[in-house]
């Protein structure tokens, strides 16, 4: 059985975006309750994240953007950055710790303490651009982790699998001309944020290392499984990643209120197994996944549970 890490920090619960906002602290509470009820919680190796050092965040985000967040961080109430994204007094600390969780997870995997790690973090990250927050996201933790893997540990090829129902525009833009990072995304169209067409495949030396699979609503376990087997697997066999990162959004679930896909808990387990098998074959089993979306509490908890159970199975 694989040794699986789980990263959480109470500061993630202090980030608030207002009453009724779908990206709420209850998401992480629901995940924990579900894992405790199933018995998975006691089988995990629990890790404590560090606060990400600014130099690593600046591998993806502009220094001026970090400065602006510091200036806008409120001492009370909310600071609104876009119609969907706001800061509370606890937001900035949570964001630094969320990115630090990804770095802590990479360290644990590279030291051999665990095989895989799931980062139960808030706020999510894959919509954050180099110079602005977007779509509930402030720092792109998965993108930051990819650069950290390369610069701290000298690995050359990193793969990011993004199965969130929304396209990871920030991640794509971070590596669009970079052949050392393979970005694979499945996402619903037409849908927020409006990026991720199949014709968006990278540019310059990075052409071909961005793979977008836009999907109409209603796609379920069978369709996703086929896409991963027919599109992702051959791409990985060619790219041969040395580390795998997952932008693990669970909002393509059939019960999620913000989308209209039909994935199930078991379907997320199947996708996890496909990615884990590829990581075992090419990347020494090294996987870190970070929570992105997922807004139906029971569906989120059940899907994360299956995700972690498949990690444990190897």
C-alpha atoms as a PDB file:
ATOM      1  CA  UNK A   1       0.000   0.000   0.000  1.00  0.00           C
ATOM      2  CA  UNK A   2       1.295   3.421  -0.953  1.00  0.00           C
ATOM      3  CA  UNK A   3       2.056   5.957   1.763  1.00  0.00           C
ATOM      4  CA  UNK A   4      -0.147   8.987   1.122  1.00  0.00           C
ATOM      5  CA  UNK A   5       0.281  12.428   2.631  1.00  0.00           C
ATOM      6  CA  UNK A   6      -2.457  14.910   3.476  1.00  0.00           C
ATOM      7  CA  UNK A   7      -1.791  18.599   4.055  1.00  0.00           C
ATOM      8  CA  UNK A   8      -4.121  20.981   5.863  1.00  0.00           C
ATOM      9  CA  UNK A   9      -3.799  24.097   8.000  1.00  0.00           C
ATOM     10  CA  UNK A  10      -6.473  25.851  10.111  1.00  0.00           C
ATOM     11  CA  UNK A  11      -5.609  29.133   8.381  1.00  0.00           C
ATOM     12  CA  UNK A  12      -7.340  27.793   5.263  1.00  0.00           C
ATOM     13  CA  UNK A  13     -10.619  28.142   7.151  1.00  0.00           C
ATOM     14  CA  UNK A  14      -9.964  31.829   7.860  1.00  0.00           C
ATOM     15  CA  UNK A  15     -10.217  32.819   4.200  1.00  0.00           C
ATOM     16  CA  UNK A  16     -13.743  34.107   3.539  1.00  0.00           C
ATOM     17  CA  UNK A  17     -15.372  35.658   0.472  1.00  0.00           C
ATOM     18  CA  UNK A  18     -18.762  36.482   1.923  1.00  0.00           C
ATOM     19  CA  UNK A  19     -21.980  34.792   2.985  1.00  0.00           C
ATOM     20  CA  UNK A  20     -23.298  32.362   0.402  1.00  0.00           C
ATOM     21  CA  UNK A  21     -20.101  32.238  -1.645  1.00  0.00           C
ATOM     22  CA  UNK A  22     -19.618  28.680  -2.980  1.00  0.00           C
ATOM     23  CA  UNK A  23     -15.883  28.653  -2.224  1.00  0.00           C
ATOM     24  CA  UNK A  24     -16.368  28.479   1.531  1.00  0.00           C
ATOM     25  CA  UNK A  25     -14.530  27.001   4.533  1.00  0.00           C
ATOM     26  CA  UNK A  26     -17.249  24.350   4.736  1.00  0.00           C
ATOM     27  CA  UNK A  27     -15.624  22.602   1.787  1.00  0.00           C
ATOM     28  CA  UNK A  28     -12.595  21.588   3.849  1.00  0.00           C
ATOM     29  CA  UNK A  29     -14.697  20.717   6.877  1.00  0.00           C
ATOM     30  CA  UNK A  30     -16.838  18.419   4.733  1.00  0.00           C
ATOM     31  CA  UNK A  31     -13.784  16.667   3.328  1.00  0.00           C
ATOM     32  CA  UNK A  32     -12.456  15.925   6.799  1.00  0.00           C
ATOM     33  CA  UNK A  33     -15.798  14.627   8.080  1.00  0.00           C
ATOM     34  CA  UNK A  34     -16.080  12.357   5.056  1.00  0.00           C
ATOM     35  CA  UNK A  35     -12.565  10.996   5.444  1.00  0.00           C
ATOM     36  CA  UNK A  36     -13.078  10.373   9.153  1.00  0.00           C
ATOM     37  CA  UNK A  37     -16.377   8.581   8.505  1.00  0.00           C
ATOM     38  CA  UNK A  38     -14.856   6.276   5.889  1.00  0.00           C
ATOM     39  CA  UNK A  39     -11.738   5.482   7.929  1.00  0.00           C
ATOM     40  CA  UNK A  40      -9.415   6.988   5.335  1.00  0.00           C
ATOM     41  CA  UNK A  41      -8.364   9.820   7.651  1.00  0.00           C
ATOM     42  CA  UNK A  42      -6.473   7.544  10.056  1.00  0.00           C
ATOM     43  CA  UNK A  43      -4.532   5.947   7.189  1.00  0.00           C
ATOM     44  CA  UNK A  44      -3.047   9.225   5.963  1.00  0.00           C
ATOM     45  CA  UNK A  45       0.349  10.715   6.792  1.00  0.00           C
ATOM     46  CA  UNK A  46      -0.537  14.209   8.004  1.00  0.00           C
ATOM     47  CA  UNK A  47       1.801  17.048   7.071  1.00  0.00           C
ATOM     48  CA  UNK A  48       1.928  20.694   8.147  1.00  0.00           C
ATOM     49  CA  UNK A  49       2.559  23.273   5.413  1.00  0.00           C
ATOM     50  CA  UNK A  50       5.070  26.055   5.587  1.00  0.00           C
ATOM     51  CA  UNK A  51       4.369  29.538   4.292  1.00  0.00           C
ATOM     52  CA  UNK A  52       5.655  29.798   0.730  1.00  0.00           C
ATOM     53  CA  UNK A  53       8.711  31.970   0.350  1.00  0.00           C
ATOM     54  CA  UNK A  54       8.107  34.968  -1.857  1.00  0.00           C
ATOM     55  CA  UNK A  55      10.910  34.006  -4.237  1.00  0.00           C
ATOM     56  CA  UNK A  56       9.029  30.875  -5.256  1.00  0.00           C
ATOM     57  CA  UNK A  57       5.742  32.672  -5.760  1.00  0.00           C
ATOM     58  CA  UNK A  58       7.592  35.164  -7.955  1.00  0.00           C
ATOM     59  CA  UNK A  59       8.588  32.372 -10.345  1.00  0.00           C
ATOM     60  CA  UNK A  60       4.956  32.601 -11.544  1.00  0.00           C
ATOM     61  CA  UNK A  61       3.566  35.906 -10.277  1.00  0.00           C
ATOM     62  CA  UNK A  62       4.870  39.443 -10.692  1.00  0.00           C
ATOM     63  CA  UNK A  63       6.368  41.121  -7.633  1.00  0.00           C
ATOM     64  CA  UNK A  64       4.115  44.131  -8.202  1.00  0.00           C
ATOM     65  CA  UNK A  65       1.059  41.871  -7.935  1.00  0.00           C
ATOM     66  CA  UNK A  66       2.201  40.513  -4.579  1.00  0.00           C
ATOM     67  CA  UNK A  67       2.795  44.073  -3.403  1.00  0.00           C
ATOM     68  CA  UNK A  68      -0.724  45.059  -4.478  1.00  0.00           C
ATOM     69  CA  UNK A  69      -2.255  42.170  -2.526  1.00  0.00           C
ATOM     70  CA  UNK A  70      -0.371  43.271   0.571  1.00  0.00           C
ATOM     71  CA  UNK A  71      -1.747  46.797   0.140  1.00  0.00           C
ATOM     72  CA  UNK A  72      -5.319  45.642  -0.478  1.00  0.00           C
ATOM     73  CA  UNK A  73      -5.485  43.057   2.311  1.00  0.00           C
ATOM     74  CA  UNK A  74      -8.225  44.308   4.655  1.00  0.00           C
ATOM     75  CA  UNK A  75      -8.031  44.458   8.433  1.00  0.00           C
ATOM     76  CA  UNK A  76     -11.784  43.864   8.513  1.00  0.00           C
ATOM     77  CA  UNK A  77     -14.551  43.260   6.004  1.00  0.00           C
ATOM     78  CA  UNK A  78     -13.753  42.465   2.390  1.00  0.00           C
ATOM     79  CA  UNK A  79     -11.633  43.837  -0.429  1.00  0.00           C
ATOM     80  CA  UNK A  80     -13.176  42.985  -3.801  1.00  0.00           C
ATOM     81  CA  UNK A  81     -10.705  42.160  -6.577  1.00  0.00           C
ATOM     82  CA  UNK A  82     -13.211  41.023  -9.213  1.00  0.00           C
ATOM     83  CA  UNK A  83     -16.936  40.172  -9.165  1.00  0.00           C
ATOM     84  CA  UNK A  84     -16.207  36.657  -7.905  1.00  0.00           C
ATOM     85  CA  UNK A  85     -13.053  37.110  -5.848  1.00  0.00           C
ATOM     86  CA  UNK A  86     -12.545  39.004  -2.616  1.00  0.00           C
ATOM     87  CA  UNK A  87     -10.131  39.129   0.291  1.00  0.00           C
ATOM     88  CA  UNK A  88     -10.928  38.905   3.992  1.00  0.00           C
ATOM     89  CA  UNK A  89      -8.396  39.512   6.784  1.00  0.00           C
ATOM     90  CA  UNK A  90      -7.367  35.841   6.656  1.00  0.00           C
ATOM     91  CA  UNK A  91      -7.040  35.521   2.885  1.00  0.00           C
ATOM     92  CA  UNK A  92      -3.436  36.480   2.274  1.00  0.00           C
ATOM     93  CA  UNK A  93      -2.043  34.205   4.984  1.00  0.00           C
ATOM     94  CA  UNK A  94      -4.154  31.340   3.629  1.00  0.00           C
ATOM     95  CA  UNK A  95      -2.888  31.979   0.099  1.00  0.00           C
ATOM     96  CA  UNK A  96       0.766  31.937   1.141  1.00  0.00           C
ATOM     97  CA  UNK A  97       0.165  28.728   3.113  1.00  0.00           C
ATOM     98  CA  UNK A  98      -1.744  27.120   0.219  1.00  0.00           C
ATOM     99  CA  UNK A  99       1.240  27.617  -2.068  1.00  0.00           C
ATOM    100  CA  UNK A 100       3.523  26.541   0.753  1.00  0.00           C
ATOM    101  CA  UNK A 101       1.483  23.360   1.089  1.00  0.00           C
ATOM    102  CA  UNK A 102       2.332  22.452  -2.486  1.00  0.00           C
ATOM    103  CA  UNK A 103       6.032  23.066  -1.822  1.00  0.00           C
ATOM    104  CA  UNK A 104       5.901  21.089   1.432  1.00  0.00           C
ATOM    105  CA  UNK A 105       4.237  18.242  -0.451  1.00  0.00           C
ATOM    106  CA  UNK A 106       6.949  18.243  -3.121  1.00  0.00           C
ATOM    107  CA  UNK A 107       9.630  18.129  -0.427  1.00  0.00           C
ATOM    108  CA  UNK A 108       7.956  15.164   1.298  1.00  0.00           C
ATOM    109  CA  UNK A 109       7.713  13.238  -1.961  1.00  0.00           C
ATOM    110  CA  UNK A 110      11.271  14.027  -3.027  1.00  0.00           C
ATOM    111  CA  UNK A 111      12.606  12.957   0.395  1.00  0.00           C
ATOM    112  CA  UNK A 112      10.734   9.659   0.066  1.00  0.00           C
ATOM    113  CA  UNK A 113       8.556  10.241   3.147  1.00  0.00           C
ATOM    114  CA  UNK A 114       5.418   9.623   1.081  1.00  0.00           C
ATOM    115  CA  UNK A 115       4.591   8.520  -2.451  1.00  0.00           C
ATOM    116  CA  UNK A 116       1.700  10.873  -3.123  1.00  0.00           C
ATOM    117  CA  UNK A 117       0.280  13.930  -1.353  1.00  0.00           C
ATOM    118  CA  UNK A 118      -3.127  15.609  -1.445  1.00  0.00           C
ATOM    119  CA  UNK A 119      -3.176  19.279  -0.446  1.00  0.00           C
ATOM    120  CA  UNK A 120      -6.536  20.222   1.086  1.00  0.00           C
ATOM    121  CA  UNK A 121      -6.063  23.932   0.508  1.00  0.00           C
ATOM    122  CA  UNK A 122      -7.988  27.151   0.117  1.00  0.00           C
ATOM    123  CA  UNK A 123      -7.956  29.412  -1.798  1.00  0.00           C
ATOM    124  CA  UNK A 124      -7.608  27.446  -5.051  1.00  0.00           C
ATOM    125  CA  UNK A 125      -5.116  28.593  -7.653  1.00  0.00           C
ATOM    126  CA  UNK A 126      -5.403  27.592 -11.303  1.00  0.00           C
ATOM    127  CA  UNK A 127      -7.215  30.759 -12.504  1.00  0.00           C
ATOM    128  CA  UNK A 128      -4.690  33.168 -10.953  1.00  0.00           C
ATOM    129  CA  UNK A 129      -2.704  35.047 -13.577  1.00  0.00           C
ATOM    130  CA  UNK A 130       0.797  36.459 -13.293  1.00  0.00           C
ATOM    131  CA  UNK A 131      -0.501  39.912 -12.389  1.00  0.00           C
ATOM    132  CA  UNK A 132      -4.015  39.500 -11.018  1.00  0.00           C
ATOM    133  CA  UNK A 133      -6.404  37.350  -9.013  1.00  0.00           C
ATOM    134  CA  UNK A 134      -9.207  35.656 -10.901  1.00  0.00           C
ATOM    135  CA  UNK A 135     -12.010  33.152 -10.373  1.00  0.00           C
ATOM    136  CA  UNK A 136     -11.613  32.618  -6.592  1.00  0.00           C
ATOM    137  CA  UNK A 137      -7.815  32.244  -7.038  1.00  0.00           C
ATOM    138  CA  UNK A 138      -4.862  34.323  -5.799  1.00  0.00           C
ATOM    139  CA  UNK A 139      -1.621  32.310  -6.194  1.00  0.00           C
ATOM    140  CA  UNK A 140      -1.316  29.468  -8.687  1.00  0.00           C
ATOM    141  CA  UNK A 141       0.027  26.856  -6.286  1.00  0.00           C
ATOM    142  CA  UNK A 142       0.358  24.058  -8.837  1.00  0.00           C
ATOM    143  CA  UNK A 143       2.278  26.253 -11.271  1.00  0.00           C
ATOM    144  CA  UNK A 144       4.540  27.456  -8.460  1.00  0.00           C
ATOM    145  CA  UNK A 145       5.159  23.827  -7.463  1.00  0.00           C
ATOM    146  CA  UNK A 146       6.151  22.957 -11.037  1.00  0.00           C
ATOM    147  CA  UNK A 147       8.849  25.637 -11.068  1.00  0.00           C
ATOM    148  CA  UNK A 148       9.955  24.601  -7.582  1.00  0.00           C
ATOM    149  CA  UNK A 149      10.381  20.991  -8.717  1.00  0.00           C
ATOM    150  CA  UNK A 150      12.560  22.126 -11.582  1.00  0.00           C
ATOM    151  CA  UNK A 151      14.640  24.734  -9.794  1.00  0.00           C
ATOM    152  CA  UNK A 152      14.972  23.189  -6.333  1.00  0.00           C
ATOM    153  CA  UNK A 153      15.394  19.560  -7.384  1.00  0.00           C
ATOM    154  CA  UNK A 154      16.664  19.801 -10.943  1.00  0.00           C
ATOM    155  CA  UNK A 155      13.963  17.678 -12.549  1.00  0.00           C
ATOM    156  CA  UNK A 156      13.421  18.688 -16.139  1.00  0.00           C
ATOM    157  CA  UNK A 157       9.941  17.491 -17.174  1.00  0.00           C
ATOM    158  CA  UNK A 158       6.814  18.141 -15.112  1.00  0.00           C
ATOM    159  CA  UNK A 159       3.259  17.242 -16.084  1.00  0.00           C
ATOM    160  CA  UNK A 160       0.163  19.058 -14.817  1.00  0.00           C
ATOM    161  CA  UNK A 161      -3.202  17.317 -15.156  1.00  0.00           C
ATOM    162  CA  UNK A 162      -6.134  19.678 -14.602  1.00  0.00           C
ATOM    163  CA  UNK A 163      -9.508  17.919 -14.419  1.00  0.00           C
ATOM    164  CA  UNK A 164     -11.364  20.843 -12.847  1.00  0.00           C
ATOM    165  CA  UNK A 165     -14.549  21.621 -14.793  1.00  0.00           C
ATOM    166  CA  UNK A 166     -13.193  25.128 -15.460  1.00  0.00           C
ATOM    167  CA  UNK A 167     -10.157  25.662 -17.658  1.00  0.00           C
ATOM    168  CA  UNK A 168      -6.918  26.482 -15.841  1.00  0.00           C
ATOM    169  CA  UNK A 169      -6.180  29.674 -17.729  1.00  0.00           C
ATOM    170  CA  UNK A 170      -3.479  30.811 -15.318  1.00  0.00           C
ATOM    171  CA  UNK A 171      -1.598  27.533 -15.538  1.00  0.00           C
ATOM    172  CA  UNK A 172      -1.790  27.480 -19.324  1.00  0.00           C
ATOM    173  CA  UNK A 173      -0.469  31.023 -19.588  1.00  0.00           C
ATOM    174  CA  UNK A 174       2.401  30.241 -17.196  1.00  0.00           C
ATOM    175  CA  UNK A 175       3.827  27.527 -19.447  1.00  0.00           C
ATOM    176  CA  UNK A 176       2.437  28.231 -22.908  1.00  0.00           C
ATOM    177  CA  UNK A 177       5.860  28.596 -24.529  1.00  0.00           C
ATOM    178  CA  UNK A 178       7.673  26.147 -22.238  1.00  0.00           C
ATOM    179  CA  UNK A 179       8.349  22.611 -23.538  1.00  0.00           C
ATOM    180  CA  UNK A 180       9.434  21.399 -20.081  1.00  0.00           C
ATOM    181  CA  UNK A 181       5.880  21.446 -18.644  1.00  0.00           C
ATOM    182  CA  UNK A 182       3.091  19.375 -20.169  1.00  0.00           C
ATOM    183  CA  UNK A 183      -0.313  20.899 -19.358  1.00  0.00           C
ATOM    184  CA  UNK A 184      -3.353  18.672 -19.940  1.00  0.00           C
ATOM    185  CA  UNK A 185      -6.837  20.007 -19.249  1.00  0.00           C
ATOM    186  CA  UNK A 186     -10.388  18.702 -19.539  1.00  0.00           C
ATOM    187  CA  UNK A 187     -13.072  21.344 -19.015  1.00  0.00           C
ATOM    188  CA  UNK A 188     -16.650  22.246 -19.862  1.00  0.00           C
ATOM    189  CA  UNK A 189     -17.428  24.656 -22.703  1.00  0.00           C
ATOM    190  CA  UNK A 190     -18.824  27.168 -23.240  1.00  0.00           C
ATOM    191  CA  UNK A 191     -17.990  28.065 -19.694  1.00  0.00           C
ATOM    192  CA  UNK A 192     -15.886  30.266 -17.435  1.00  0.00           C
ATOM    193  CA  UNK A 193     -13.205  31.514 -18.064  1.00  0.00           C
ATOM    194  CA  UNK A 194     -13.638  31.154 -21.841  1.00  0.00           C
ATOM    195  CA  UNK A 195     -10.117  29.883 -22.570  1.00  0.00           C
ATOM    196  CA  UNK A 196      -8.949  26.377 -23.395  1.00  0.00           C
ATOM    197  CA  UNK A 197      -9.886  25.799 -27.019  1.00  0.00           C
ATOM    198  CA  UNK A 198      -8.513  22.632 -28.608  1.00  0.00           C
ATOM    199  CA  UNK A 199      -6.492  24.838 -30.948  1.00  0.00           C
ATOM    200  CA  UNK A 200      -4.602  26.319 -27.975  1.00  0.00           C
ATOM    201  CA  UNK A 201      -1.603  23.972 -28.042  1.00  0.00           C
ATOM    202  CA  UNK A 202       1.277  26.223 -27.008  1.00  0.00           C
ATOM    203  CA  UNK A 203       3.584  28.500 -28.916  1.00  0.00           C
ATOM    204  CA  UNK A 204       7.241  28.636 -29.893  1.00  0.00           C
ATOM    205  CA  UNK A 205       9.244  25.830 -28.308  1.00  0.00           C
ATOM    206  CA  UNK A 206       6.202  24.978 -26.200  1.00  0.00           C
ATOM    207  CA  UNK A 207       3.979  24.106 -29.137  1.00  0.00           C
ATOM    208  CA  UNK A 208       2.399  20.725 -28.496  1.00  0.00           C
ATOM    209  CA  UNK A 209       2.891  20.670 -24.722  1.00  0.00           C
ATOM    210  CA  UNK A 210      -0.471  22.286 -23.991  1.00  0.00           C
ATOM    211  CA  UNK A 211      -3.343  19.839 -24.535  1.00  0.00           C
ATOM    212  CA  UNK A 212      -6.887  21.118 -24.110  1.00  0.00           C
ATOM    213  CA  UNK A 213      -9.917  18.846 -24.300  1.00  0.00           C
ATOM    214  CA  UNK A 214     -12.990  21.114 -24.179  1.00  0.00           C
ATOM    215  CA  UNK A 215     -16.204  19.195 -23.536  1.00  0.00           C
ATOM    216  CA  UNK A 216     -19.915  19.909 -23.769  1.00  0.00           C
ATOM    217  CA  UNK A 217     -22.022  19.399 -20.671  1.00  0.00           C
ATOM    218  CA  UNK A 218     -23.293  15.951 -19.768  1.00  0.00           C
ATOM    219  CA  UNK A 219     -20.018  14.021 -20.067  1.00  0.00           C
ATOM    220  CA  UNK A 220     -19.584  11.306 -17.452  1.00  0.00           C
ATOM    221  CA  UNK A 221     -17.293   8.531 -16.255  1.00  0.00           C
ATOM    222  CA  UNK A 222     -17.127   6.650 -19.575  1.00  0.00           C
ATOM    223  CA  UNK A 223     -16.348   9.725 -21.652  1.00  0.00           C
ATOM    224  CA  UNK A 224     -13.696  11.010 -19.267  1.00  0.00           C
ATOM    225  CA  UNK A 225     -12.063   7.588 -18.995  1.00  0.00           C
ATOM    226  CA  UNK A 226     -11.855   7.317 -22.783  1.00  0.00           C
ATOM    227  CA  UNK A 227     -10.323  10.783 -23.108  1.00  0.00           C
ATOM    228  CA  UNK A 228      -7.677  10.034 -20.497  1.00  0.00           C
ATOM    229  CA  UNK A 229      -6.814   6.712 -22.126  1.00  0.00           C
ATOM    230  CA  UNK A 230      -6.802   7.931 -25.722  1.00  0.00           C
ATOM    231  CA  UNK A 231      -5.398  11.444 -25.296  1.00  0.00           C
ATOM    232  CA  UNK A 232      -3.491  11.681 -22.020  1.00  0.00           C
ATOM    233  CA  UNK A 233      -1.779   8.283 -22.039  1.00  0.00           C
ATOM    234  CA  UNK A 234      -0.099   8.678 -25.483  1.00  0.00           C
ATOM    235  CA  UNK A 235       0.974  12.226 -24.602  1.00  0.00           C
ATOM    236  CA  UNK A 236       2.607  11.016 -21.396  1.00  0.00           C
ATOM    237  CA  UNK A 237       4.345   8.166 -23.187  1.00  0.00           C
ATOM    238  CA  UNK A 238       5.939  10.751 -25.474  1.00  0.00           C
ATOM    239  CA  UNK A 239       6.668  13.418 -22.838  1.00  0.00           C
ATOM    240  CA  UNK A 240       7.854  11.028 -20.073  1.00  0.00           C
ATOM    241  CA  UNK A 241       7.354  13.313 -17.045  1.00  0.00           C
ATOM    242  CA  UNK A 242       9.571  13.082 -13.980  1.00  0.00           C
ATOM    243  CA  UNK A 243       6.929  14.483 -11.614  1.00  0.00           C
ATOM    244  CA  UNK A 244       3.135  14.714 -11.855  1.00  0.00           C
ATOM    245  CA  UNK A 245       0.954  17.493 -10.432  1.00  0.00           C
ATOM    246  CA  UNK A 246      -2.840  17.420 -10.392  1.00  0.00           C
ATOM    247  CA  UNK A 247      -5.101  20.453 -10.273  1.00  0.00           C
ATOM    248  CA  UNK A 248      -7.758  18.417  -8.522  1.00  0.00           C
ATOM    249  CA  UNK A 249     -11.066  20.153  -9.012  1.00  0.00           C
ATOM    250  CA  UNK A 250     -14.089  17.992  -8.256  1.00  0.00           C
ATOM    251  CA  UNK A 251     -16.720  20.265  -9.805  1.00  0.00           C
ATOM    252  CA  UNK A 252     -17.315  18.060 -12.864  1.00  0.00           C
ATOM    253  CA  UNK A 253     -19.299  15.847 -10.468  1.00  0.00           C
ATOM    254  CA  UNK A 254     -22.902  15.167 -11.460  1.00  0.00           C
ATOM    255  CA  UNK A 255     -24.153  16.856  -8.273  1.00  0.00           C
ATOM    256  CA  UNK A 256     -22.058  20.004  -8.461  1.00  0.00           C
ATOM    257  CA  UNK A 257     -24.163  23.189  -8.607  1.00  0.00           C
ATOM    258  CA  UNK A 258     -21.691  25.197 -10.721  1.00  0.00           C
ATOM    259  CA  UNK A 259     -21.470  22.883 -13.734  1.00  0.00           C
ATOM    260  CA  UNK A 260     -23.388  20.285 -15.722  1.00  0.00           C
ATOM    261  CA  UNK A 261     -21.083  17.306 -16.039  1.00  0.00           C
ATOM    262  CA  UNK A 262     -21.815  13.757 -14.865  1.00  0.00           C
ATOM    263  CA  UNK A 263     -18.692  12.409 -13.205  1.00  0.00           C
ATOM    264  CA  UNK A 264     -19.216  10.309 -10.065  1.00  0.00           C
ATOM    265  CA  UNK A 265     -17.089   9.560  -7.018  1.00  0.00           C
ATOM    266  CA  UNK A 266     -16.019   6.341  -8.725  1.00  0.00           C
ATOM    267  CA  UNK A 267     -15.218   8.209 -11.910  1.00  0.00           C
ATOM    268  CA  UNK A 268     -12.762  10.424 -10.059  1.00  0.00           C
ATOM    269  CA  UNK A 269     -11.246   7.273  -8.625  1.00  0.00           C
ATOM    270  CA  UNK A 270     -10.761   5.897 -12.132  1.00  0.00           C
ATOM    271  CA  UNK A 271      -9.104   9.090 -13.362  1.00  0.00           C
ATOM    272  CA  UNK A 272      -6.825   9.006 -10.326  1.00  0.00           C
ATOM    273  CA  UNK A 273      -5.799   5.430 -11.114  1.00  0.00           C
ATOM    274  CA  UNK A 274      -4.945   6.297 -14.717  1.00  0.00           C
ATOM    275  CA  UNK A 275      -2.758   9.202 -13.621  1.00  0.00           C
ATOM    276  CA  UNK A 276      -1.179   7.194 -10.774  1.00  0.00           C
ATOM    277  CA  UNK A 277      -0.322   4.345 -13.141  1.00  0.00           C
ATOM    278  CA  UNK A 278       1.361   6.819 -15.490  1.00  0.00           C
ATOM    279  CA  UNK A 279       3.279   8.386 -12.612  1.00  0.00           C
ATOM    280  CA  UNK A 280       4.429   4.950 -11.479  1.00  0.00           C
ATOM    281  CA  UNK A 281       5.597   4.130 -14.999  1.00  0.00           C
ATOM    282  CA  UNK A 282       7.415   7.357 -15.813  1.00  0.00           C
ATOM    283  CA  UNK A 283       7.847   9.535 -12.705  1.00  0.00           C
ATOM    284  CA  UNK A 284       8.847   7.139  -9.945  1.00  0.00           C
ATOM    285  CA  UNK A 285       5.301   7.401  -8.569  1.00  0.00           C
ATOM    286  CA  UNK A 286       5.787  11.066  -7.641  1.00  0.00           C
ATOM    287  CA  UNK A 287       2.400  12.849  -7.470  1.00  0.00           C
ATOM    288  CA  UNK A 288       1.151  15.935  -5.673  1.00  0.00           C
ATOM    289  CA  UNK A 289      -2.481  16.968  -6.091  1.00  0.00           C
ATOM    290  CA  UNK A 290      -3.955  20.277  -4.945  1.00  0.00           C
ATOM    291  CA  UNK A 291      -7.625  20.990  -4.381  1.00  0.00           C
ATOM    292  CA  UNK A 292      -9.159  23.389  -6.866  1.00  0.00           C
ATOM    293  CA  UNK A 293     -12.981  23.433  -7.317  1.00  0.00           C
ATOM    294  CA  UNK A 294     -15.822  21.269  -6.030  1.00  0.00           C
ATOM    295  CA  UNK A 295     -18.864  22.888  -4.451  1.00  0.00           C
ATOM    296  CA  UNK A 296     -21.363  20.170  -3.526  1.00  0.00           C
ATOM    297  CA  UNK A 297     -20.185  19.189  -0.072  1.00  0.00           C
ATOM    298  CA  UNK A 298     -21.125  15.516  -0.099  1.00  0.00           C
ATOM    299  CA  UNK A 299     -19.915  15.024  -3.666  1.00  0.00           C
ATOM    300  CA  UNK A 300     -16.661  16.798  -2.863  1.00  0.00           C
ATOM    301  CA  UNK A 301     -16.038  14.695   0.244  1.00  0.00           C
ATOM    302  CA  UNK A 302     -16.846  11.433  -1.521  1.00  0.00           C
ATOM    303  CA  UNK A 303     -14.724  12.237  -4.560  1.00  0.00           C
ATOM    304  CA  UNK A 304     -11.710  13.233  -2.467  1.00  0.00           C
ATOM    305  CA  UNK A 305     -12.106  10.008  -0.490  1.00  0.00           C
ATOM    306  CA  UNK A 306     -11.989   7.918  -3.687  1.00  0.00           C
ATOM    307  CA  UNK A 307      -9.058  10.006  -4.945  1.00  0.00           C
ATOM    308  CA  UNK A 308      -7.066   9.200  -1.803  1.00  0.00           C
ATOM    309  CA  UNK A 309      -8.111   5.552  -1.705  1.00  0.00           C
ATOM    310  CA  UNK A 310      -6.810   5.085  -5.256  1.00  0.00           C
ATOM    311  CA  UNK A 311      -3.558   6.791  -4.271  1.00  0.00           C
ATOM    312  CA  UNK A 312      -3.221   4.302  -1.413  1.00  0.00           C
ATOM    313  CA  UNK A 313      -3.874   1.384  -3.718  1.00  0.00           C
ATOM    314  CA  UNK A 314      -0.906   2.518  -5.773  1.00  0.00           C
END
